[in-house]
Amino acid sequence: MRRLLEIKGAVLAKGLRPSKRLARNKSFLTTCNGFVGNDGVLSAIDDLSEIDVIPSEVIGTDTLNYTCIDNHGSTNNDKPVTGANHALKWTQSGSLGGVWTVSTAYKDGIADGFPYPQMFLFTNWTIICGETGIFEWDGSTLDRKLTVTAGGTWDAVDFVDYVYMSNSKVAVTRNAKTGVYAETTDLPIFSGIANYNGRVLITAPGVEI
């Protein structure tokens, strides 16, 4: 009779070994197929909840389509295009708009095609990126933190509350104390980044796509 390998719950909870140098008998998994990390435990992809990133769309009073760029409960001041503040809430784009109504919760989101959205599951934060928009996910809502110039795909690393990321066009940091995202010229743009035992390794520093 062939003996099957049993993976115990404690081993599964530890997840993948953090370094290939770590011996295989240290109770870490060495290969992961079809699973992702979720709340410190590996979870089957089919068991994870889908995140809705599609922004709201409506038809403006000029009969054009508008896409939401800021989560809000609608008032007449926000109505596209007669509302005085509509430009802060809507941008003229998209093609799937419905009828705008007052006292409705409209949501921001990511309408960009493949390879977006991109998700980064960090120590304290889930960051979801579109081509130009950087969002934090609080478990129920996307909160836009920054809008930047389009570049390539995003890559990022975190150091607890500090985040450093780039799309090969701009470099962005998240301030660990204030939580504010901002473009920076003090650090280089890059196309790839990794935190290897506390050392940050980047590819193509300063090379713009």
Protein backbone atom coordinates (compact mmCIF):
# COMPACT_ATOMS: atom_id res chain seq x y z
CA MET A 1 0.00 0.00 0.00
CA ARG A 2 1.35 3.43 -0.94
CA ARG A 3 1.76 5.83 1.96
CA LEU A 4 0.36 9.33 1.43
CA LEU A 5 1.93 12.48 2.85
CA GLU A 6 -0.15 14.11 5.61
CA ILE A 7 0.09 17.88 6.06
CA LYS A 8 -0.93 18.87 9.56
CA GLY A 9 -2.81 22.07 10.33
CA ALA A 10 0.07 23.70 12.21
CA VAL A 11 2.36 23.23 9.21
CA LEU A 12 -0.29 24.56 6.83
CA ALA A 13 -0.74 27.64 9.00
CA LYS A 14 2.99 28.44 8.87
CA GLY A 15 2.83 28.55 5.08
CA LEU A 16 5.79 28.53 2.72
CA ARG A 17 9.36 28.61 3.98
CA PRO A 18 10.66 32.20 3.78
CA SER A 19 14.01 31.19 2.27
CA LYS A 20 15.31 28.30 0.20
CA ARG A 21 18.26 28.15 2.60
CA LEU A 22 15.91 26.96 5.33
CA ALA A 23 16.05 23.20 5.77
CA ARG A 24 13.07 21.24 4.48
CA ASN A 25 12.49 19.62 7.90
CA LYS A 26 11.61 22.91 9.63
CA SER A 27 7.83 22.43 9.29
CA PHE A 28 7.33 24.85 6.42
CA LEU A 29 5.68 24.03 3.10
CA THR A 30 8.00 24.13 0.09
CA THR A 31 5.52 24.28 -2.81
CA CYS A 32 2.17 26.05 -3.14
CA ASN A 33 -0.27 25.42 -6.01
CA GLY A 34 -3.76 26.92 -6.09
CA PHE A 35 -3.55 28.57 -2.68
CA VAL A 36 -2.87 32.09 -1.47
CA GLY A 37 -2.20 33.61 1.94
CA ASN A 38 -5.26 34.87 3.80
CA ASP A 39 -5.14 36.13 7.41
CA GLY A 40 -1.94 34.21 8.08
CA VAL A 41 -3.28 30.90 6.78
CA LEU A 42 -3.11 29.41 3.28
CA SER A 43 -6.59 29.37 1.77
CA ALA A 44 -7.88 27.74 -1.41
CA ILE A 45 -8.44 30.34 -4.12
CA ASP A 46 -12.04 29.15 -4.61
CA ASP A 47 -12.76 29.86 -0.93
CA LEU A 48 -11.72 33.52 -1.08
CA SER A 49 -14.31 36.27 -1.46
CA GLU A 50 -14.30 38.20 -4.72
CA ILE A 51 -13.43 41.88 -4.43
CA ASP A 52 -15.65 44.13 -6.51
CA VAL A 53 -13.40 46.76 -8.11
CA ILE A 54 -15.76 47.96 -10.86
CA PRO A 55 -16.58 51.67 -10.46
CA SER A 56 -20.10 53.07 -10.72
CA GLU A 57 -21.15 54.58 -14.05
CA VAL A 58 -24.07 56.90 -14.87
CA ILE A 59 -25.38 58.95 -17.75
CA GLY A 60 -24.92 62.69 -17.28
CA THR A 61 -27.37 65.42 -18.16
CA ASP A 62 -25.36 65.92 -21.37
CA THR A 63 -26.21 62.27 -22.32
CA LEU A 64 -22.54 61.25 -22.01
CA ASN A 65 -21.26 58.40 -19.80
CA TYR A 66 -19.52 59.22 -16.51
CA THR A 67 -17.40 57.00 -14.23
CA CYS A 68 -17.16 57.58 -10.47
CA ILE A 69 -13.73 58.67 -9.18
CA ASP A 70 -14.62 59.21 -5.51
CA ASN A 71 -16.86 57.20 -3.17
CA HIS A 72 -19.85 59.33 -2.19
CA GLY A 73 -23.51 59.48 -1.36
CA SER A 74 -25.05 61.48 -4.18
CA THR A 75 -26.52 64.95 -3.83
CA ASN A 76 -27.60 67.41 -6.50
CA ASN A 77 -24.24 69.16 -6.10
CA ASP A 78 -22.52 66.01 -7.40
CA LYS A 79 -24.81 65.35 -10.36
CA PRO A 80 -22.97 65.16 -13.69
CA VAL A 81 -22.84 67.62 -15.26
CA THR A 82 -25.08 70.24 -13.66
CA GLY A 83 -23.79 69.79 -10.10
CA ALA A 84 -21.21 72.35 -8.99
CA ASN A 85 -18.94 69.60 -7.57
CA HIS A 86 -19.51 66.92 -10.19
CA ALA A 87 -15.92 67.11 -11.53
CA LEU A 88 -14.64 65.98 -8.11
CA LYS A 89 -16.79 62.85 -8.22
CA TRP A 90 -17.04 61.88 -11.90
CA THR A 91 -14.95 61.70 -15.05
CA GLN A 92 -16.30 61.44 -18.57
CA SER A 93 -15.52 57.84 -19.58
CA GLY A 94 -17.04 54.38 -19.80
CA SER A 95 -20.06 53.00 -21.63
CA LEU A 96 -22.27 51.16 -19.11
CA GLY A 97 -23.93 54.03 -17.24
CA GLY A 98 -27.40 53.94 -15.77
CA VAL A 99 -29.70 56.70 -14.58
CA TRP A 100 -28.17 58.98 -11.92
CA THR A 101 -30.28 59.24 -8.74
CA VAL A 102 -29.96 61.33 -5.60
CA SER A 103 -29.17 59.72 -2.18
CA THR A 104 -27.37 56.80 -3.81
CA ALA A 105 -24.02 55.33 -2.78
CA TYR A 106 -21.71 55.53 -5.79
CA LYS A 107 -18.27 53.94 -5.62
CA ASP A 108 -14.85 54.53 -7.09
CA GLY A 109 -12.96 51.61 -8.60
CA ILE A 110 -10.74 50.21 -11.35
CA ALA A 111 -12.02 49.87 -14.89
CA ASP A 112 -8.61 49.19 -16.47
CA GLY A 113 -8.18 46.00 -18.47
CA PHE A 114 -5.58 43.23 -18.08
CA PRO A 115 -3.16 43.08 -16.24
CA TYR A 116 -5.10 45.25 -13.80
CA PRO A 117 -6.17 45.25 -11.06
CA GLN A 118 -3.03 44.17 -9.18
CA MET A 119 -3.25 43.20 -5.51
CA PHE A 120 -0.56 43.35 -2.82
CA LEU A 121 -1.32 41.56 0.47
CA PHE A 122 1.02 43.23 2.94
CA THR A 123 1.52 42.99 6.70
CA ASN A 124 -1.17 45.51 7.65
CA TRP A 125 -2.58 46.61 4.32
CA THR A 126 -4.17 45.28 1.17
CA ILE A 127 -3.23 47.54 -1.73
CA ILE A 128 -5.00 47.27 -5.07
CA CYS A 129 -3.65 49.12 -8.10
CA GLY A 130 -5.07 50.10 -11.43
CA GLU A 131 -3.00 51.59 -14.22
CA THR A 132 -3.04 55.03 -12.58
CA GLY A 133 -4.95 54.58 -9.31
CA ILE A 134 -3.62 53.27 -5.98
CA PHE A 135 -6.26 52.03 -3.53
CA GLU A 136 -6.37 50.49 -0.07
CA TRP A 137 -8.96 47.79 0.63
CA ASP A 138 -10.47 47.85 4.13
CA GLY A 139 -12.41 44.62 3.76
CA SER A 140 -15.49 46.20 2.20
CA THR A 141 -14.49 49.36 0.33
CA LEU A 142 -11.80 50.57 -2.06
CA ASP A 143 -10.30 53.86 -0.86
CA ARG A 144 -8.37 55.78 -3.53
CA LYS A 145 -5.09 57.03 -2.08
CA LEU A 146 -3.29 58.47 -5.10
CA THR A 147 -3.64 58.97 -8.84
CA VAL A 148 -0.42 58.96 -10.87
CA THR A 149 0.91 58.85 -14.43
CA ALA A 150 0.43 55.52 -16.24
CA GLY A 151 3.49 53.32 -16.64
CA GLY A 152 4.14 49.59 -16.55
CA THR A 153 2.81 47.08 -14.05
CA TRP A 154 3.30 47.82 -10.36
CA ASP A 155 5.72 46.19 -7.96
CA ALA A 156 6.01 46.97 -4.25
CA VAL A 157 7.47 46.02 -0.87
CA ASP A 158 6.28 46.83 2.63
CA PHE A 159 8.02 47.33 5.96
CA VAL A 160 4.97 47.02 8.23
CA ASP A 161 3.29 50.41 7.61
CA TYR A 162 5.85 51.83 5.17
CA VAL A 163 5.40 50.94 1.47
CA TYR A 164 7.70 51.61 -1.48
CA MET A 165 6.30 50.98 -4.97
CA SER A 166 6.80 51.90 -8.62
CA ASN A 167 5.33 51.36 -12.09
CA SER A 168 8.60 52.26 -13.86
CA LYS A 169 7.21 55.75 -14.41
CA VAL A 170 6.84 57.11 -10.89
CA ALA A 171 8.05 56.01 -7.44
CA VAL A 172 5.53 56.14 -4.60
CA THR A 173 5.88 55.77 -0.85
CA ARG A 174 3.35 55.31 1.92
CA ASN A 175 4.28 57.30 5.03
CA ALA A 176 4.36 54.91 7.98
CA LYS A 177 3.11 57.53 10.45
CA THR A 178 0.46 59.38 8.44
CA GLY A 179 -0.60 56.71 5.93
CA VAL A 180 -0.28 59.30 3.13
CA TYR A 181 0.78 58.08 -0.33
CA ALA A 182 2.95 60.43 -2.34
CA GLU A 183 5.23 60.44 -5.36
CA THR A 184 8.91 60.74 -4.49
CA THR A 185 12.05 61.69 -6.38
CA ASP A 186 14.30 60.79 -3.45
CA LEU A 187 14.01 57.10 -4.37
CA PRO A 188 14.39 55.63 -7.86
CA ILE A 189 11.68 54.23 -10.08
CA PHE A 190 12.04 50.51 -10.87
CA SER A 191 10.44 47.57 -12.69
CA GLY A 192 10.91 44.94 -9.97
CA ILE A 193 11.63 44.87 -6.24
CA ALA A 194 12.22 42.32 -3.48
CA ASN A 195 12.96 42.40 0.24
CA TYR A 196 15.66 39.77 0.76
CA ASN A 197 16.44 39.36 4.45
CA GLY A 198 15.98 43.08 5.07
CA ARG A 199 17.86 44.19 1.96
CA VAL A 200 15.87 45.83 -0.81
CA LEU A 201 16.84 44.63 -4.28
CA ILE A 202 15.44 46.48 -7.31
CA THR A 203 15.68 45.88 -11.04
CA ALA A 204 16.16 48.60 -13.67
CA PRO A 205 16.54 51.48 -11.16
CA GLY A 206 15.86 54.82 -12.81
CA VAL A 207 14.87 53.20 -16.11
CA GLU A 208 11.54 54.61 -17.35
CA ILE A 209 9.16 52.53 -19.42
